[in-house]
Amino acid sequence: MSIYYVYATNAGVQGWGKDWLGEDVIIEDEVMRFDFDDGSGACKFDIKVQYADDAEAELYEVDVCSVSHIDARRGTMVVADD
């Protein structure tokens, strides 16, 4: 299922902040890379995606400094091993 919105903010910060996709859409099975470095030096981020059908998936306190990728297919989102 396509993803229309990706939000990521430092863990513990209230609110989701900006949509990291902007005008883009992640089509099903497409891979998109993000650099969540916001200049704060923080590694723990809360991440939320919103799918085409308005379903949402959230992950909390993801260590983006050590995680290589996150799989956000089929209405779920998990930290994936290489």
N, C-alpha and C. Protein backbone atom coordinates (compact mmCIF):
# COMPACT_ATOMS: atom_id res chain seq x y z
N MET A 1 0.84 -1.18 0.00
CA MET A 1 0.00 0.00 0.00
C MET A 1 0.89 1.25 0.00
N SER A 2 0.53 2.23 -0.77
CA SER A 2 1.32 3.45 -0.87
C SER A 2 1.32 4.23 0.44
N ILE A 3 2.41 4.94 0.68
CA ILE A 3 2.55 5.78 1.87
C ILE A 3 2.50 7.23 1.42
N TYR A 4 1.61 8.01 2.03
CA TYR A 4 1.44 9.41 1.65
C TYR A 4 2.16 10.38 2.57
N TYR A 5 2.38 9.97 3.83
CA TYR A 5 3.03 10.86 4.79
C TYR A 5 4.03 10.09 5.65
N VAL A 6 5.16 10.70 5.93
CA VAL A 6 6.15 10.16 6.87
C VAL A 6 6.51 11.29 7.84
N TYR A 7 6.31 11.01 9.11
CA TYR A 7 6.66 11.98 10.15
C TYR A 7 7.73 11.36 11.04
N ALA A 8 8.70 12.17 11.44
CA ALA A 8 9.74 11.70 12.36
C ALA A 8 10.20 12.88 13.19
N THR A 9 10.28 12.66 14.49
CA THR A 9 10.73 13.71 15.39
C THR A 9 11.51 13.08 16.53
N ASN A 10 12.35 13.88 17.18
CA ASN A 10 13.10 13.38 18.32
C ASN A 10 12.14 12.72 19.31
N ALA A 11 12.52 11.57 19.82
CA ALA A 11 11.68 10.86 20.79
C ALA A 11 11.36 11.78 21.96
N GLY A 12 10.12 11.75 22.38
CA GLY A 12 9.71 12.54 23.53
C GLY A 12 9.20 13.93 23.18
N VAL A 13 9.44 14.39 21.96
CA VAL A 13 8.93 15.69 21.55
C VAL A 13 7.45 15.55 21.23
N GLN A 14 6.65 16.49 21.69
CA GLN A 14 5.22 16.42 21.41
C GLN A 14 4.95 16.84 19.98
N GLY A 15 4.00 16.17 19.34
CA GLY A 15 3.65 16.48 17.96
C GLY A 15 4.56 15.76 16.98
N TRP A 16 4.10 15.67 15.75
CA TRP A 16 4.84 14.92 14.74
C TRP A 16 5.67 15.80 13.83
N GLY A 17 5.48 17.08 13.83
CA GLY A 17 6.31 17.95 12.99
C GLY A 17 5.97 17.83 11.52
N LYS A 18 6.97 18.08 10.69
CA LYS A 18 6.76 18.14 9.24
C LYS A 18 6.59 16.76 8.62
N ASP A 19 5.98 16.75 7.45
CA ASP A 19 5.89 15.54 6.63
C ASP A 19 7.19 15.44 5.83
N TRP A 20 7.96 14.41 6.06
CA TRP A 20 9.26 14.24 5.40
C TRP A 20 9.14 13.92 3.91
N LEU A 21 7.97 13.52 3.46
CA LEU A 21 7.79 13.23 2.04
C LEU A 21 7.50 14.47 1.21
N GLY A 22 6.95 15.49 1.82
CA GLY A 22 6.58 16.67 1.06
C GLY A 22 5.56 16.30 0.00
N GLU A 23 5.87 16.54 -1.25
CA GLU A 23 4.96 16.23 -2.36
C GLU A 23 5.08 14.79 -2.85
N ASP A 24 6.09 14.06 -2.37
CA ASP A 24 6.34 12.70 -2.84
C ASP A 24 5.37 11.70 -2.22
N VAL A 25 5.25 10.55 -2.86
CA VAL A 25 4.48 9.41 -2.37
C VAL A 25 5.37 8.19 -2.53
N ILE A 26 5.38 7.30 -1.54
CA ILE A 26 6.13 6.05 -1.65
C ILE A 26 5.15 5.00 -2.16
N ILE A 27 5.36 4.56 -3.39
CA ILE A 27 4.52 3.55 -4.01
C ILE A 27 4.87 2.18 -3.40
N GLU A 28 3.89 1.30 -3.31
CA GLU A 28 4.12 -0.03 -2.73
C GLU A 28 5.36 -0.68 -3.31
N ASP A 29 6.20 -1.25 -2.44
CA ASP A 29 7.46 -1.93 -2.76
C ASP A 29 8.56 -1.00 -3.22
N GLU A 30 8.34 0.30 -3.22
CA GLU A 30 9.39 1.28 -3.53
C GLU A 30 10.25 1.48 -2.28
N VAL A 31 11.51 1.77 -2.48
CA VAL A 31 12.43 2.06 -1.38
C VAL A 31 12.77 3.55 -1.41
N MET A 32 12.71 4.18 -0.25
CA MET A 32 13.09 5.58 -0.15
C MET A 32 14.00 5.73 1.06
N ARG A 33 15.05 6.50 0.90
CA ARG A 33 16.00 6.73 1.99
C ARG A 33 15.75 8.09 2.62
N PHE A 34 15.91 8.13 3.95
CA PHE A 34 15.77 9.37 4.70
C PHE A 34 16.99 9.57 5.57
N ASP A 35 17.41 10.80 5.73
CA ASP A 35 18.44 11.16 6.68
C ASP A 35 17.75 11.98 7.76
N PHE A 36 17.50 11.36 8.91
CA PHE A 36 16.77 12.02 9.97
C PHE A 36 17.65 12.91 10.85
N ASP A 37 18.86 13.20 10.42
CA ASP A 37 19.75 14.08 11.17
C ASP A 37 19.15 15.48 11.17
N ASP A 38 18.70 15.91 12.33
CA ASP A 38 18.09 17.24 12.44
C ASP A 38 19.04 18.27 13.05
N GLY A 39 20.32 17.87 13.17
CA GLY A 39 21.33 18.77 13.72
C GLY A 39 21.41 18.76 15.24
N SER A 40 20.53 18.03 15.90
CA SER A 40 20.51 18.00 17.37
C SER A 40 21.46 16.96 17.95
N GLY A 41 21.92 16.02 17.12
CA GLY A 41 22.74 14.93 17.60
C GLY A 41 21.92 13.78 18.18
N ALA A 42 20.62 13.93 18.18
CA ALA A 42 19.74 12.89 18.73
C ALA A 42 19.71 11.66 17.82
N CYS A 43 19.67 10.48 18.43
CA CYS A 43 19.56 9.23 17.67
C CYS A 43 18.19 8.58 17.82
N LYS A 44 17.49 8.86 18.89
CA LYS A 44 16.18 8.23 19.12
C LYS A 44 15.07 9.09 18.52
N PHE A 45 14.32 8.49 17.61
CA PHE A 45 13.23 9.19 16.93
C PHE A 45 11.95 8.38 17.02
N ASP A 46 10.82 9.10 17.08
CA ASP A 46 9.50 8.51 16.92
C ASP A 46 9.13 8.71 15.45
N ILE A 47 8.60 7.66 14.82
CA ILE A 47 8.31 7.69 13.39
C ILE A 47 6.87 7.24 13.16
N LYS A 48 6.18 7.97 12.30
CA LYS A 48 4.80 7.61 11.94
C LYS A 48 4.65 7.69 10.43
N VAL A 49 3.97 6.70 9.85
CA VAL A 49 3.62 6.75 8.43
C VAL A 49 2.11 6.69 8.30
N GLN A 50 1.61 7.33 7.25
CA GLN A 50 0.18 7.28 6.95
C GLN A 50 0.03 6.74 5.54
N TYR A 51 -0.79 5.70 5.41
CA TYR A 51 -0.99 5.00 4.15
C TYR A 51 -2.12 5.63 3.33
N ALA A 52 -2.25 5.19 2.10
CA ALA A 52 -3.25 5.72 1.18
C ALA A 52 -4.67 5.59 1.72
N ASP A 53 -4.94 4.57 2.52
CA ASP A 53 -6.28 4.37 3.07
C ASP A 53 -6.48 5.07 4.42
N ASP A 54 -5.55 5.95 4.77
CA ASP A 54 -5.54 6.72 6.03
C ASP A 54 -5.16 5.91 7.26
N ALA A 55 -4.85 4.62 7.10
CA ALA A 55 -4.32 3.83 8.23
C ALA A 55 -2.95 4.41 8.60
N GLU A 56 -2.59 4.25 9.86
CA GLU A 56 -1.31 4.76 10.34
C GLU A 56 -0.55 3.67 11.06
N ALA A 57 0.78 3.79 11.05
CA ALA A 57 1.63 2.91 11.84
C ALA A 57 2.68 3.79 12.52
N GLU A 58 3.02 3.44 13.76
CA GLU A 58 3.96 4.25 14.53
C GLU A 58 5.01 3.36 15.18
N LEU A 59 6.22 3.89 15.25
CA LEU A 59 7.31 3.27 16.00
C LEU A 59 7.88 4.34 16.92
N TYR A 60 8.25 3.94 18.12
CA TYR A 60 8.75 4.90 19.10
C TYR A 60 10.18 4.56 19.49
N GLU A 61 10.97 5.60 19.73
CA GLU A 61 12.35 5.50 20.20
C GLU A 61 13.21 4.62 19.30
N VAL A 62 13.09 4.81 18.00
CA VAL A 62 13.92 4.09 17.03
C VAL A 62 15.29 4.73 17.01
N ASP A 63 16.33 3.93 17.19
CA ASP A 63 17.71 4.44 17.16
C ASP A 63 18.13 4.57 15.69
N VAL A 64 17.89 5.73 15.11
CA VAL A 64 18.19 5.94 13.69
C VAL A 64 19.68 6.01 13.41
N CYS A 65 20.50 6.09 14.46
CA CYS A 65 21.95 6.08 14.27
C CYS A 65 22.48 4.67 14.03
N SER A 66 21.70 3.65 14.42
CA SER A 66 22.18 2.27 14.25
C SER A 66 21.27 1.41 13.37
N VAL A 67 20.04 1.84 13.14
CA VAL A 67 19.10 1.07 12.31
C VAL A 67 19.39 1.33 10.84
N SER A 68 19.50 0.26 10.06
CA SER A 68 19.79 0.45 8.64
C SER A 68 18.54 0.69 7.81
N HIS A 69 17.42 0.07 8.20
CA HIS A 69 16.18 0.34 7.47
C HIS A 69 14.95 -0.07 8.28
N ILE A 70 13.84 0.50 7.86
CA ILE A 70 12.55 0.22 8.46
C ILE A 70 11.63 -0.24 7.36
N ASP A 71 10.93 -1.33 7.59
CA ASP A 71 10.00 -1.88 6.60
C ASP A 71 8.60 -1.40 6.96
N ALA A 72 7.99 -0.65 6.04
CA ALA A 72 6.67 -0.07 6.31
C ALA A 72 5.67 -0.49 5.24
N ARG A 73 5.57 -1.80 5.04
CA ARG A 73 4.64 -2.33 4.03
C ARG A 73 3.40 -2.91 4.67
N ARG A 74 2.36 -2.99 3.86
CA ARG A 74 1.11 -3.68 4.22
C ARG A 74 0.50 -3.19 5.54
N GLY A 75 0.54 -1.90 5.77
CA GLY A 75 -0.13 -1.34 6.94
C GLY A 75 0.59 -1.55 8.25
N THR A 76 1.82 -2.05 8.23
CA THR A 76 2.60 -2.22 9.44
C THR A 76 3.96 -1.58 9.25
N MET A 77 4.65 -1.37 10.36
CA MET A 77 5.99 -0.80 10.28
C MET A 77 6.85 -1.48 11.33
N VAL A 78 7.99 -2.02 10.92
CA VAL A 78 8.90 -2.70 11.84
C VAL A 78 10.34 -2.34 11.50
N VAL A 79 11.19 -2.34 12.53
CA VAL A 79 12.61 -2.20 12.29
C VAL A 79 13.08 -3.52 11.71
N ALA A 80 13.73 -3.48 10.56
CA ALA A 80 14.12 -4.70 9.85
C ALA A 80 15.62 -4.90 9.91
N ASP A 81 16.02 -6.16 10.04
CA ASP A 81 17.44 -6.51 10.00
C ASP A 81 17.90 -6.61 8.56
N ASP A 82 19.19 -6.38 8.36
CA ASP A 82 19.75 -6.56 6.99
C ASP A 82 19.79 -8.01 6.61
